[in-house]
Amino acid sequence: MSATVSDAVGNGDKKPLPQPQRQAVADQKTSHYKGFVAGVFSGIAKLSVGHPFDTIKVRLQTSTHAQFKGPIDCVLKTFRNEGVSGFYKGATPPLVGWMAMDSLMLGSLTAYRRLLNEHIFNPHLKSLPPTATTPPAKLPLVGHGLAGMLAGWTVSFIAAPVEHVKARLQIQYAATKSQRLYSGPLDCSKKLIRGHGMAGLYHGLGATLLFRTFFFFWWSSYALLTELLHKHTALSTPAVNFWAGGLSAQVFWITSYPSDVVKQRIMTDALGPGRDGSSGGGPRKYPRWRDAAVDVYRRDGWRGYWRGFGPCFLRAFPANAMALVAFEGVMRALP
């Protein structure tokens, strides 16, 4: 049995097939490596489709109306001043990072689902005899949400430095490298570490952990949508993966977007004087998460928390839908 995400939400088939409980659990354990391998391909698909949208989102989140009037204005100015490559600025960190992040997230998600199912929601599974033939007990929606939240916190320790470097590269508006503070992701990472140590590279970790707490809504809604689509439609498994993946990503961003705006403000904030004598871009504006949240409201009101939401919302469906299709497809292809 291949332990894909569809299996984890309660068997991808419309009617679960009777099978020995112990064997089902054993099969899931032996296939966990597939989640980590397939997650690499999920990250590649997500970056290819979604990074241009992400660049526009970050630029809108960290700029003023005087610089960009809106998404269309940002797209036109980026293309006019920097060409197509401008949309892929900062793409190298997430290319490497998202492969690692999706691998860790989807692999740990599967592990957390199993642990929660076996030890919290259905602990009786361990006491069943090996010959039991009843269908495996399904993890409830709250269990999927908790597993998603735990996976989000786990992957944050890779995501925080990757997203920090990516954000600083994305807000470099100069068309030529010689005019930029950072020539690339490695140069940016080196300067952050040289000036501020590992704490500088991990600047914004707390905001990242808070943002990924909202993975609860992503993976609980994915489980619900997968079940409903299997039950009420005749869609193929890849089609279910596509629609459930895309729609659940929209649910996630609707619930989490204000926290992402605050996170981006923190990650692009000045770091203060560095221990290597660098200025660090000046004094820090946001020593605490609350300071950044209040500043967003003071500058733009409640609309400030949704600045850049259009590109993000447009990106979320295709990027995450294709990522999950890639993930599930590779899972089924692996021996």
C-alpha atoms as a PDB file:
ATOM      1  CA  MET A   1       0.000   0.000   0.000  1.00  0.00           C
ATOM      2  CA  SER A   2       1.450   3.413  -0.944  1.00  0.00           C
ATOM      3  CA  ALA A   3       0.991   5.859   1.917  1.00  0.00           C
ATOM      4  CA  THR A   4       0.126   8.962  -0.078  1.00  0.00           C
ATOM      5  CA  VAL A   5      -1.555  12.026   1.389  1.00  0.00           C
ATOM      6  CA  SER A   6      -4.855  10.686   0.064  1.00  0.00           C
ATOM      7  CA  ASP A   7      -4.336   7.492   2.023  1.00  0.00           C
ATOM      8  CA  ALA A   8      -3.617   9.507   5.128  1.00  0.00           C
ATOM      9  CA  VAL A   9      -6.971  11.272   4.986  1.00  0.00           C
ATOM     10  CA  GLY A  10      -8.790   7.997   5.140  1.00  0.00           C
ATOM     11  CA  ASN A  11      -8.043   5.900   2.051  1.00  0.00           C
ATOM     12  CA  GLY A  12      -8.311   7.498  -1.381  1.00  0.00           C
ATOM     13  CA  ASP A  13     -11.022   5.005  -2.404  1.00  0.00           C
ATOM     14  CA  LYS A  14     -14.649   5.835  -1.824  1.00  0.00           C
ATOM     15  CA  LYS A  15     -15.056   2.683   0.306  1.00  0.00           C
ATOM     16  CA  PRO A  16     -12.170   1.585   2.517  1.00  0.00           C
ATOM     17  CA  LEU A  17     -10.992  -1.903   1.721  1.00  0.00           C
ATOM     18  CA  PRO A  18     -10.937  -4.361   4.639  1.00  0.00           C
ATOM     19  CA  GLN A  19      -7.360  -5.226   5.532  1.00  0.00           C
ATOM     20  CA  PRO A  20      -5.320  -6.234   8.599  1.00  0.00           C
ATOM     21  CA  GLN A  21      -4.783  -3.207  10.834  1.00  0.00           C
ATOM     22  CA  ARG A  22      -1.232  -4.094  11.792  1.00  0.00           C
ATOM     23  CA  GLN A  23      -0.236  -4.667   8.178  1.00  0.00           C
ATOM     24  CA  ALA A  24      -1.683  -1.308   7.149  1.00  0.00           C
ATOM     25  CA  VAL A  25       0.334   0.477   9.816  1.00  0.00           C
ATOM     26  CA  ALA A  26       3.469  -1.464   8.899  1.00  0.00           C
ATOM     27  CA  ASP A  27       3.039  -0.598   5.226  1.00  0.00           C
ATOM     28  CA  GLN A  28       2.725   3.078   6.108  1.00  0.00           C
ATOM     29  CA  LYS A  29       5.943   2.984   8.131  1.00  0.00           C
ATOM     30  CA  THR A  30       7.958   1.375   5.360  1.00  0.00           C
ATOM     31  CA  SER A  31       6.763   3.939   2.831  1.00  0.00           C
ATOM     32  CA  HIS A  32       7.572   7.060   4.867  1.00  0.00           C
ATOM     33  CA  TYR A  33      10.763   7.661   2.888  1.00  0.00           C
ATOM     34  CA  LYS A  34       8.582   8.191  -0.172  1.00  0.00           C
ATOM     35  CA  GLY A  35       7.058  11.298   1.410  1.00  0.00           C
ATOM     36  CA  PHE A  36      10.478  12.874   1.806  1.00  0.00           C
ATOM     37  CA  VAL A  37      11.533  11.984  -1.758  1.00  0.00           C
ATOM     38  CA  ALA A  38       8.262  13.083  -3.363  1.00  0.00           C
ATOM     39  CA  GLY A  39       8.368  16.313  -1.366  1.00  0.00           C
ATOM     40  CA  VAL A  40      11.443  17.355  -3.364  1.00  0.00           C
ATOM     41  CA  PHE A  41       9.418  17.275  -6.588  1.00  0.00           C
ATOM     42  CA  SER A  42       6.570  19.093  -4.858  1.00  0.00           C
ATOM     43  CA  GLY A  43       8.962  21.930  -4.012  1.00  0.00           C
ATOM     44  CA  ILE A  44      10.208  22.207  -7.602  1.00  0.00           C
ATOM     45  CA  ALA A  45       6.652  22.399  -8.958  1.00  0.00           C
ATOM     46  CA  LYS A  46       5.656  24.995  -6.365  1.00  0.00           C
ATOM     47  CA  LEU A  47       8.603  27.260  -7.164  1.00  0.00           C
ATOM     48  CA  SER A  48       8.214  27.046 -10.952  1.00  0.00           C
ATOM     49  CA  VAL A  49       4.559  28.050 -10.848  1.00  0.00           C
ATOM     50  CA  GLY A  50       4.444  30.302  -7.824  1.00  0.00           C
ATOM     51  CA  HIS A  51       7.626  32.363  -7.463  1.00  0.00           C
ATOM     52  CA  PRO A  52       6.674  35.269  -9.799  1.00  0.00           C
ATOM     53  CA  PHE A  53       3.446  35.724  -7.813  1.00  0.00           C
ATOM     54  CA  ASP A  54       5.440  35.553  -4.586  1.00  0.00           C
ATOM     55  CA  THR A  55       7.843  38.269  -5.732  1.00  0.00           C
ATOM     56  CA  ILE A  56       4.948  40.646  -6.464  1.00  0.00           C
ATOM     57  CA  LYS A  57       3.342  39.745  -3.125  1.00  0.00           C
ATOM     58  CA  VAL A  58       6.502  40.475  -1.117  1.00  0.00           C
ATOM     59  CA  ARG A  59       7.155  43.749  -2.964  1.00  0.00           C
ATOM     60  CA  LEU A  60       3.617  44.950  -2.270  1.00  0.00           C
ATOM     61  CA  GLN A  61       3.790  43.844   1.366  1.00  0.00           C
ATOM     62  CA  THR A  62       7.002  45.761   2.017  1.00  0.00           C
ATOM     63  CA  SER A  63       6.440  48.904  -0.082  1.00  0.00           C
ATOM     64  CA  THR A  64       4.203  51.972   0.028  1.00  0.00           C
ATOM     65  CA  HIS A  65       1.477  53.131  -2.359  1.00  0.00           C
ATOM     66  CA  ALA A  66       3.901  55.783  -3.608  1.00  0.00           C
ATOM     67  CA  GLN A  67       6.121  53.030  -5.029  1.00  0.00           C
ATOM     68  CA  PHE A  68       3.455  50.655  -6.384  1.00  0.00           C
ATOM     69  CA  LYS A  69      -0.205  51.597  -6.800  1.00  0.00           C
ATOM     70  CA  GLY A  70      -1.264  47.945  -6.871  1.00  0.00           C
ATOM     71  CA  PRO A  71      -0.477  44.477  -8.278  1.00  0.00           C
ATOM     72  CA  ILE A  72      -0.727  45.453 -11.954  1.00  0.00           C
ATOM     73  CA  ASP A  73       1.483  48.495 -11.434  1.00  0.00           C
ATOM     74  CA  CYS A  74       4.027  46.344  -9.598  1.00  0.00           C
ATOM     75  CA  VAL A  75       4.050  43.750 -12.402  1.00  0.00           C
ATOM     76  CA  LEU A  76       4.491  46.384 -15.108  1.00  0.00           C
ATOM     77  CA  LYS A  77       7.257  48.258 -13.287  1.00  0.00           C
ATOM     78  CA  THR A  78       9.087  45.042 -12.440  1.00  0.00           C
ATOM     79  CA  PHE A  79       8.968  43.873 -16.049  1.00  0.00           C
ATOM     80  CA  ARG A  80       9.856  47.305 -17.470  1.00  0.00           C
ATOM     81  CA  ASN A  81      12.829  47.867 -15.153  1.00  0.00           C
ATOM     82  CA  GLU A  82      14.143  44.332 -14.595  1.00  0.00           C
ATOM     83  CA  GLY A  83      12.715  42.081 -17.286  1.00  0.00           C
ATOM     84  CA  VAL A  84      11.423  38.556 -16.744  1.00  0.00           C
ATOM     85  CA  SER A  85      14.351  37.741 -14.449  1.00  0.00           C
ATOM     86  CA  GLY A  86      13.010  40.326 -12.004  1.00  0.00           C
ATOM     87  CA  PHE A  87      10.104  38.045 -11.189  1.00  0.00           C
ATOM     88  CA  TYR A  88      12.521  35.271 -10.244  1.00  0.00           C
ATOM     89  CA  LYS A  89      14.761  37.323  -7.972  1.00  0.00           C
ATOM     90  CA  GLY A  90      15.517  35.359  -4.849  1.00  0.00           C
ATOM     91  CA  ALA A  91      14.446  32.116  -6.521  1.00  0.00           C
ATOM     92  CA  THR A  92      17.572  30.129  -5.636  1.00  0.00           C
ATOM     93  CA  PRO A  93      16.961  29.978  -1.863  1.00  0.00           C
ATOM     94  CA  PRO A  94      13.388  28.674  -2.226  1.00  0.00           C
ATOM     95  CA  LEU A  95      14.392  26.308  -5.058  1.00  0.00           C
ATOM     96  CA  VAL A  96      16.762  24.588  -2.663  1.00  0.00           C
ATOM     97  CA  GLY A  97      14.726  25.466   0.402  1.00  0.00           C
ATOM     98  CA  TRP A  98      11.298  24.433  -0.850  1.00  0.00           C
ATOM     99  CA  MET A  99      12.633  21.082  -1.985  1.00  0.00           C
ATOM    100  CA  ALA A 100      13.918  20.559   1.552  1.00  0.00           C
ATOM    101  CA  MET A 101      10.880  22.203   3.154  1.00  0.00           C
ATOM    102  CA  ASP A 102       8.259  20.232   1.253  1.00  0.00           C
ATOM    103  CA  SER A 103      10.240  17.060   1.834  1.00  0.00           C
ATOM    104  CA  LEU A 104      10.378  17.722   5.582  1.00  0.00           C
ATOM    105  CA  MET A 105       6.829  19.058   5.805  1.00  0.00           C
ATOM    106  CA  LEU A 106       5.100  16.251   3.910  1.00  0.00           C
ATOM    107  CA  GLY A 107       7.288  13.572   5.465  1.00  0.00           C
ATOM    108  CA  SER A 108       6.748  14.858   9.004  1.00  0.00           C
ATOM    109  CA  LEU A 109       3.046  15.455   8.301  1.00  0.00           C
ATOM    110  CA  THR A 110       2.629  11.750   7.572  1.00  0.00           C
ATOM    111  CA  ALA A 111       4.559  10.823  10.713  1.00  0.00           C
ATOM    112  CA  TYR A 112       2.572  13.212  12.932  1.00  0.00           C
ATOM    113  CA  ARG A 113      -0.707  11.872  11.524  1.00  0.00           C
ATOM    114  CA  ARG A 114       0.288   8.340  12.407  1.00  0.00           C
ATOM    115  CA  LEU A 115       1.510   9.275  15.887  1.00  0.00           C
ATOM    116  CA  LEU A 116      -1.638  11.261  16.681  1.00  0.00           C
ATOM    117  CA  ASN A 117      -3.820   8.476  15.336  1.00  0.00           C
ATOM    118  CA  GLU A 118      -2.040   5.740  17.286  1.00  0.00           C
ATOM    119  CA  HIS A 119      -1.480   7.567  20.575  1.00  0.00           C
ATOM    120  CA  ILE A 120      -4.238  10.199  20.865  1.00  0.00           C
ATOM    121  CA  PHE A 121      -7.294   9.606  18.699  1.00  0.00           C
ATOM    122  CA  ASN A 122      -7.282   5.823  18.137  1.00  0.00           C
ATOM    123  CA  PRO A 123      -4.918   4.269  20.708  1.00  0.00           C
ATOM    124  CA  HIS A 124      -6.885   0.999  20.548  1.00  0.00           C
ATOM    125  CA  LEU A 125      -5.166   0.281  17.200  1.00  0.00           C
ATOM    126  CA  LYS A 126      -2.060  -0.953  19.010  1.00  0.00           C
ATOM    127  CA  SER A 127      -4.028  -3.539  20.984  1.00  0.00           C
ATOM    128  CA  LEU A 128      -5.729  -5.133  17.987  1.00  0.00           C
ATOM    129  CA  PRO A 129      -4.605  -8.633  17.028  1.00  0.00           C
ATOM    130  CA  PRO A 130      -2.587  -8.961  13.796  1.00  0.00           C
ATOM    131  CA  THR A 131      -5.513 -10.777  12.148  1.00  0.00           C
ATOM    132  CA  ALA A 132      -8.007  -7.944  12.577  1.00  0.00           C
ATOM    133  CA  THR A 133      -9.873  -7.265   9.335  1.00  0.00           C
ATOM    134  CA  THR A 134     -11.787  -4.082  10.130  1.00  0.00           C
ATOM    135  CA  PRO A 135     -10.897  -0.943   8.125  1.00  0.00           C
ATOM    136  CA  PRO A 136      -8.230   1.355   9.625  1.00  0.00           C
ATOM    137  CA  ALA A 137      -9.709   3.997  11.947  1.00  0.00           C
ATOM    138  CA  LYS A 138      -9.650   7.417  10.315  1.00  0.00           C
ATOM    139  CA  LEU A 139      -7.936  10.391  11.883  1.00  0.00           C
ATOM    140  CA  PRO A 140     -10.542  13.100  12.637  1.00  0.00           C
ATOM    141  CA  LEU A 141     -10.296  16.526  11.022  1.00  0.00           C
ATOM    142  CA  VAL A 142      -8.885  18.095  14.187  1.00  0.00           C
ATOM    143  CA  GLY A 143      -6.147  15.448  14.089  1.00  0.00           C
ATOM    144  CA  HIS A 144      -5.233  16.419  10.532  1.00  0.00           C
ATOM    145  CA  GLY A 145      -5.162  20.062  11.626  1.00  0.00           C
ATOM    146  CA  LEU A 146      -2.894  19.344  14.605  1.00  0.00           C
ATOM    147  CA  ALA A 147      -0.580  17.246  12.433  1.00  0.00           C
ATOM    148  CA  GLY A 148      -0.399  20.105   9.929  1.00  0.00           C
ATOM    149  CA  MET A 149       0.376  22.606  12.669  1.00  0.00           C
ATOM    150  CA  LEU A 150       3.155  20.401  14.088  1.00  0.00           C
ATOM    151  CA  ALA A 151       4.574  19.879  10.596  1.00  0.00           C
ATOM    152  CA  GLY A 152       4.457  23.659  10.078  1.00  0.00           C
ATOM    153  CA  TRP A 153       6.416  24.292  13.263  1.00  0.00           C
ATOM    154  CA  THR A 154       8.927  21.595  12.323  1.00  0.00           C
ATOM    155  CA  VAL A 155       9.600  23.003   8.860  1.00  0.00           C
ATOM    156  CA  SER A 156       9.851  26.563  10.234  1.00  0.00           C
ATOM    157  CA  PHE A 157      13.429  25.908  11.314  1.00  0.00           C
ATOM    158  CA  ILE A 158      14.358  25.480   7.646  1.00  0.00           C
ATOM    159  CA  ALA A 159      11.824  27.970   6.317  1.00  0.00           C
ATOM    160  CA  ALA A 160      12.831  30.946   8.473  1.00  0.00           C
ATOM    161  CA  PRO A 161      16.368  31.493   7.079  1.00  0.00           C
ATOM    162  CA  VAL A 162      15.271  30.595   3.528  1.00  0.00           C
ATOM    163  CA  GLU A 163      12.373  33.063   3.584  1.00  0.00           C
ATOM    164  CA  HIS A 164      14.491  35.712   5.292  1.00  0.00           C
ATOM    165  CA  VAL A 165      17.160  35.623   2.574  1.00  0.00           C
ATOM    166  CA  LYS A 166      14.521  35.388  -0.167  1.00  0.00           C
ATOM    167  CA  ALA A 167      12.666  38.444   1.138  1.00  0.00           C
ATOM    168  CA  ARG A 168      15.816  40.585   1.310  1.00  0.00           C
ATOM    169  CA  LEU A 169      16.730  39.639  -2.254  1.00  0.00           C
ATOM    170  CA  GLN A 170      13.203  40.286  -3.525  1.00  0.00           C
ATOM    171  CA  ILE A 171      13.172  43.896  -2.340  1.00  0.00           C
ATOM    172  CA  GLN A 172      16.395  44.774  -4.157  1.00  0.00           C
ATOM    173  CA  TYR A 173      15.060  46.890  -7.014  1.00  0.00           C
ATOM    174  CA  ALA A 174      18.301  47.664  -8.846  1.00  0.00           C
ATOM    175  CA  ALA A 175      18.460  46.032 -12.278  1.00  0.00           C
ATOM    176  CA  THR A 176      22.217  45.316 -12.137  1.00  0.00           C
ATOM    177  CA  LYS A 177      23.964  43.243  -9.460  1.00  0.00           C
ATOM    178  CA  SER A 178      26.685  45.835  -8.931  1.00  0.00           C
ATOM    179  CA  GLN A 179      24.093  48.242  -7.524  1.00  0.00           C
ATOM    180  CA  ARG A 180      22.617  45.738  -5.052  1.00  0.00           C
ATOM    181  CA  LEU A 181      23.642  45.215  -1.442  1.00  0.00           C
ATOM    182  CA  TYR A 182      23.546  41.435  -1.913  1.00  0.00           C
ATOM    183  CA  SER A 183      24.836  39.797  -5.083  1.00  0.00           C
ATOM    184  CA  GLY A 184      22.954  36.565  -4.378  1.00  0.00           C
ATOM    185  CA  PRO A 185      21.670  34.209  -1.680  1.00  0.00           C
ATOM    186  CA  LEU A 186      25.119  33.045  -0.534  1.00  0.00           C
ATOM    187  CA  ASP A 187      26.394  36.624  -0.295  1.00  0.00           C
ATOM    188  CA  CYS A 188      23.272  37.629   1.631  1.00  0.00           C
ATOM    189  CA  SER A 189      23.630  34.692   4.037  1.00  0.00           C
ATOM    190  CA  LYS A 190      27.329  35.389   4.608  1.00  0.00           C
ATOM    191  CA  LYS A 191      26.716  39.082   5.328  1.00  0.00           C
ATOM    192  CA  LEU A 192      23.862  38.312   7.723  1.00  0.00           C
ATOM    193  CA  ILE A 193      25.976  35.781   9.638  1.00  0.00           C
ATOM    194  CA  ARG A 194      29.109  37.957   9.598  1.00  0.00           C
ATOM    195  CA  GLY A 195      27.227  40.976  10.885  1.00  0.00           C
ATOM    196  CA  HIS A 196      24.707  39.399  13.242  1.00  0.00           C
ATOM    197  CA  GLY A 197      25.588  35.734  13.722  1.00  0.00           C
ATOM    198  CA  MET A 198      23.132  32.879  13.293  1.00  0.00           C
ATOM    199  CA  ALA A 199      20.526  34.976  15.076  1.00  0.00           C
ATOM    200  CA  GLY A 200      20.698  37.381  12.139  1.00  0.00           C
ATOM    201  CA  LEU A 201      20.104  34.599   9.640  1.00  0.00           C
ATOM    202  CA  TYR A 202      17.185  33.344  11.741  1.00  0.00           C
ATOM    203  CA  HIS A 203      15.702  36.822  12.167  1.00  0.00           C
ATOM    204  CA  GLY A 204      11.915  36.383  12.039  1.00  0.00           C
ATOM    205  CA  LEU A 205      11.802  32.784  13.327  1.00  0.00           C
ATOM    206  CA  GLY A 206       9.103  33.632  15.891  1.00  0.00           C
ATOM    207  CA  ALA A 207       6.959  35.269  13.206  1.00  0.00           C
ATOM    208  CA  THR A 208       7.506  32.228  10.981  1.00  0.00           C
ATOM    209  CA  LEU A 209       6.348  29.838  13.723  1.00  0.00           C
ATOM    210  CA  LEU A 210       3.232  31.943  14.292  1.00  0.00           C
ATOM    211  CA  PHE A 211       2.479  32.099  10.567  1.00  0.00           C
ATOM    212  CA  ARG A 212       2.790  28.318  10.161  1.00  0.00           C
ATOM    213  CA  THR A 213       0.449  27.696  13.071  1.00  0.00           C
ATOM    214  CA  PHE A 214      -2.255  28.351  10.477  1.00  0.00           C
ATOM    215  CA  PHE A 215      -1.267  25.112   8.742  1.00  0.00           C
ATOM    216  CA  PHE A 216      -3.983  23.735  11.030  1.00  0.00           C
ATOM    217  CA  PHE A 217      -6.577  25.165   8.643  1.00  0.00           C
ATOM    218  CA  TRP A 218      -4.726  24.053   5.511  1.00  0.00           C
ATOM    219  CA  TRP A 219      -4.463  20.363   6.310  1.00  0.00           C
ATOM    220  CA  SER A 220      -7.795  19.986   8.083  1.00  0.00           C
ATOM    221  CA  SER A 221      -9.549  21.559   5.083  1.00  0.00           C
ATOM    222  CA  TYR A 222      -7.489  19.391   2.698  1.00  0.00           C
ATOM    223  CA  ALA A 223      -8.674  16.276   4.524  1.00  0.00           C
ATOM    224  CA  LEU A 224     -12.286  17.456   4.442  1.00  0.00           C
ATOM    225  CA  LEU A 225     -12.221  18.444   0.756  1.00  0.00           C
ATOM    226  CA  THR A 226     -10.507  15.193  -0.260  1.00  0.00           C
ATOM    227  CA  GLU A 227     -13.165  13.164   1.522  1.00  0.00           C
ATOM    228  CA  LEU A 228     -16.030  15.185   0.049  1.00  0.00           C
ATOM    229  CA  LEU A 229     -14.663  15.056  -3.498  1.00  0.00           C
ATOM    230  CA  HIS A 230     -14.136  11.292  -3.337  1.00  0.00           C
ATOM    231  CA  LYS A 231     -17.610  10.815  -1.894  1.00  0.00           C
ATOM    232  CA  HIS A 232     -19.663  13.146  -4.091  1.00  0.00           C
ATOM    233  CA  THR A 233     -17.802  13.239  -7.424  1.00  0.00           C
ATOM    234  CA  ALA A 234     -16.391  10.806  -9.956  1.00  0.00           C
ATOM    235  CA  LEU A 235     -13.091  12.684 -10.228  1.00  0.00           C
ATOM    236  CA  SER A 236      -9.895  10.689 -10.624  1.00  0.00           C
ATOM    237  CA  THR A 237      -7.391  10.645  -7.772  1.00  0.00           C
ATOM    238  CA  PRO A 238      -5.035  13.185  -9.469  1.00  0.00           C
ATOM    239  CA  ALA A 239      -7.999  15.500 -10.065  1.00  0.00           C
ATOM    240  CA  VAL A 240      -9.034  15.209  -6.422  1.00  0.00           C
ATOM    241  CA  ASN A 241      -5.447  15.993  -5.385  1.00  0.00           C
ATOM    242  CA  PHE A 242      -5.477  19.049  -7.664  1.00  0.00           C
ATOM    243  CA  TRP A 243      -8.768  20.538  -6.487  1.00  0.00           C
ATOM    244  CA  ALA A 244      -8.396  19.684  -2.810  1.00  0.00           C
ATOM    245  CA  GLY A 245      -4.801  20.951  -2.815  1.00  0.00           C
ATOM    246  CA  GLY A 246      -5.669  24.223  -4.529  1.00  0.00           C
ATOM    247  CA  LEU A 247      -8.822  24.988  -2.525  1.00  0.00           C
ATOM    248  CA  SER A 248      -7.277  24.106   0.849  1.00  0.00           C
ATOM    249  CA  ALA A 249      -4.367  26.434   0.050  1.00  0.00           C
ATOM    250  CA  GLN A 250      -6.901  29.234  -0.466  1.00  0.00           C
ATOM    251  CA  VAL A 251      -8.401  28.469   2.959  1.00  0.00           C
ATOM    252  CA  PHE A 252      -4.926  28.644   4.488  1.00  0.00           C
ATOM    253  CA  TRP A 253      -4.062  32.007   2.973  1.00  0.00           C
ATOM    254  CA  ILE A 254      -7.405  33.574   3.879  1.00  0.00           C
ATOM    255  CA  THR A 255      -6.811  32.677   7.536  1.00  0.00           C
ATOM    256  CA  SER A 256      -3.051  33.367   7.681  1.00  0.00           C
ATOM    257  CA  TYR A 257      -2.399  36.318   5.369  1.00  0.00           C
ATOM    258  CA  PRO A 258      -2.298  39.139   7.970  1.00  0.00           C
ATOM    259  CA  SER A 259       0.351  37.218   9.931  1.00  0.00           C
ATOM    260  CA  ASP A 260       2.368  36.816   6.710  1.00  0.00           C
ATOM    261  CA  VAL A 261       2.314  40.581   6.102  1.00  0.00           C
ATOM    262  CA  VAL A 262       3.690  41.165   9.597  1.00  0.00           C
ATOM    263  CA  LYS A 263       6.301  38.429   9.067  1.00  0.00           C
ATOM    264  CA  GLN A 264       7.531  40.047   5.844  1.00  0.00           C
ATOM    265  CA  ARG A 265       7.827  43.446   7.531  1.00  0.00           C
ATOM    266  CA  ILE A 266       9.954  41.872  10.260  1.00  0.00           C
ATOM    267  CA  MET A 267      12.143  39.951   7.794  1.00  0.00           C
ATOM    268  CA  THR A 268      12.868  43.059   5.712  1.00  0.00           C
ATOM    269  CA  ASP A 269      13.427  45.310   8.727  1.00  0.00           C
ATOM    270  CA  ALA A 270      16.857  46.820   9.392  1.00  0.00           C
ATOM    271  CA  LEU A 271      18.948  44.650  11.701  1.00  0.00           C
ATOM    272  CA  GLY A 272      20.890  47.438  13.418  1.00  0.00           C
ATOM    273  CA  PRO A 273      24.688  47.849  13.640  1.00  0.00           C
ATOM    274  CA  GLY A 274      26.533  44.598  12.925  1.00  0.00           C
ATOM    275  CA  ARG A 275      29.438  43.191  14.890  1.00  0.00           C
ATOM    276  CA  ASP A 276      31.546  43.500  11.724  1.00  0.00           C
ATOM    277  CA  GLY A 277      31.042  47.271  11.664  1.00  0.00           C
ATOM    278  CA  SER A 278      28.244  47.245   9.064  1.00  0.00           C
ATOM    279  CA  SER A 279      25.281  49.578   9.521  1.00  0.00           C
ATOM    280  CA  GLY A 280      22.752  46.778   9.162  1.00  0.00           C
ATOM    281  CA  GLY A 281      20.517  49.171   7.246  1.00  0.00           C
ATOM    282  CA  GLY A 282      20.050  51.428  10.270  1.00  0.00           C
ATOM    283  CA  PRO A 283      18.285  50.910  13.624  1.00  0.00           C
ATOM    284  CA  ARG A 284      15.586  48.253  13.924  1.00  0.00           C
ATOM    285  CA  LYS A 285      12.019  49.494  13.632  1.00  0.00           C
ATOM    286  CA  TYR A 286      10.370  46.347  14.967  1.00  0.00           C
ATOM    287  CA  PRO A 287      12.041  44.855  18.057  1.00  0.00           C
ATOM    288  CA  ARG A 288       8.868  42.826  18.701  1.00  0.00           C
ATOM    289  CA  TRP A 289       6.169  41.185  16.564  1.00  0.00           C
ATOM    290  CA  ARG A 290       3.601  43.525  18.087  1.00  0.00           C
ATOM    291  CA  ASP A 291       5.536  46.584  16.920  1.00  0.00           C
ATOM    292  CA  ALA A 292       5.352  45.441  13.297  1.00  0.00           C
ATOM    293  CA  ALA A 293       1.643  44.581  13.577  1.00  0.00           C
ATOM    294  CA  VAL A 294       0.822  47.988  15.053  1.00  0.00           C
ATOM    295  CA  ASP A 295       2.900  49.804  12.422  1.00  0.00           C
ATOM    296  CA  VAL A 296       1.010  48.081   9.589  1.00  0.00           C
ATOM    297  CA  TYR A 297      -2.287  49.306  11.043  1.00  0.00           C
ATOM    298  CA  ARG A 298      -0.953  52.806  11.777  1.00  0.00           C
ATOM    299  CA  ARG A 299       0.235  53.251   8.184  1.00  0.00           C
ATOM    300  CA  ASP A 300      -2.590  51.661   6.193  1.00  0.00           C
ATOM    301  CA  GLY A 301      -5.382  50.680   8.577  1.00  0.00           C
ATOM    302  CA  TRP A 302      -6.919  47.203   8.397  1.00  0.00           C
ATOM    303  CA  ARG A 303      -6.360  47.161   4.622  1.00  0.00           C
ATOM    304  CA  GLY A 304      -2.632  47.078   5.302  1.00  0.00           C
ATOM    305  CA  TYR A 305      -2.927  43.514   6.549  1.00  0.00           C
ATOM    306  CA  TRP A 306      -4.257  42.479   3.134  1.00  0.00           C
ATOM    307  CA  ARG A 307      -1.871  44.427   0.894  1.00  0.00           C
ATOM    308  CA  GLY A 308      -0.593  42.088  -1.823  1.00  0.00           C
ATOM    309  CA  PHE A 309      -3.325  39.528  -1.161  1.00  0.00           C
ATOM    310  CA  GLY A 310      -4.426  39.424  -4.823  1.00  0.00           C
ATOM    311  CA  PRO A 311      -1.160  37.976  -6.205  1.00  0.00           C
ATOM    312  CA  CYS A 312      -0.917  35.652  -3.222  1.00  0.00           C
ATOM    313  CA  PHE A 313      -4.459  34.354  -3.704  1.00  0.00           C
ATOM    314  CA  LEU A 314      -3.911  33.881  -7.441  1.00  0.00           C
ATOM    315  CA  ARG A 315      -0.644  32.050  -6.760  1.00  0.00           C
ATOM    316  CA  ALA A 316      -1.960  29.788  -4.000  1.00  0.00           C
ATOM    317  CA  PHE A 317      -4.273  27.647  -6.101  1.00  0.00           C
ATOM    318  CA  PRO A 318      -2.046  26.711  -9.080  1.00  0.00           C
ATOM    319  CA  ALA A 319       1.203  26.502  -7.109  1.00  0.00           C
ATOM    320  CA  ASN A 320      -0.114  24.273  -4.332  1.00  0.00           C
ATOM    321  CA  ALA A 321      -2.435  22.288  -6.586  1.00  0.00           C
ATOM    322  CA  MET A 322       0.457  21.396  -8.891  1.00  0.00           C
ATOM    323  CA  ALA A 323       2.727  20.731  -5.916  1.00  0.00           C
ATOM    324  CA  LEU A 324       0.321  18.147  -4.513  1.00  0.00           C
ATOM    325  CA  VAL A 325      -0.290  16.584  -7.930  1.00  0.00           C
ATOM    326  CA  ALA A 326       3.488  16.253  -8.322  1.00  0.00           C
ATOM    327  CA  PHE A 327       3.823  14.852  -4.813  1.00  0.00           C
ATOM    328  CA  GLU A 328       1.076  12.271  -5.225  1.00  0.00           C
ATOM    329  CA  GLY A 329       2.249  11.316  -8.726  1.00  0.00           C
ATOM    330  CA  VAL A 330       5.798  10.659  -7.564  1.00  0.00           C
ATOM    331  CA  MET A 331       4.485   8.743  -4.553  1.00  0.00           C
ATOM    332  CA  ARG A 332       2.548   6.433  -6.863  1.00  0.00           C
ATOM    333  CA  ALA A 333       5.547   6.049  -9.207  1.00  0.00           C
ATOM    334  CA  LEU A 334       8.071   5.150  -6.517  1.00  0.00           C
ATOM    335  CA  PRO A 335       8.707   1.416  -6.037  1.00  0.00           C
END
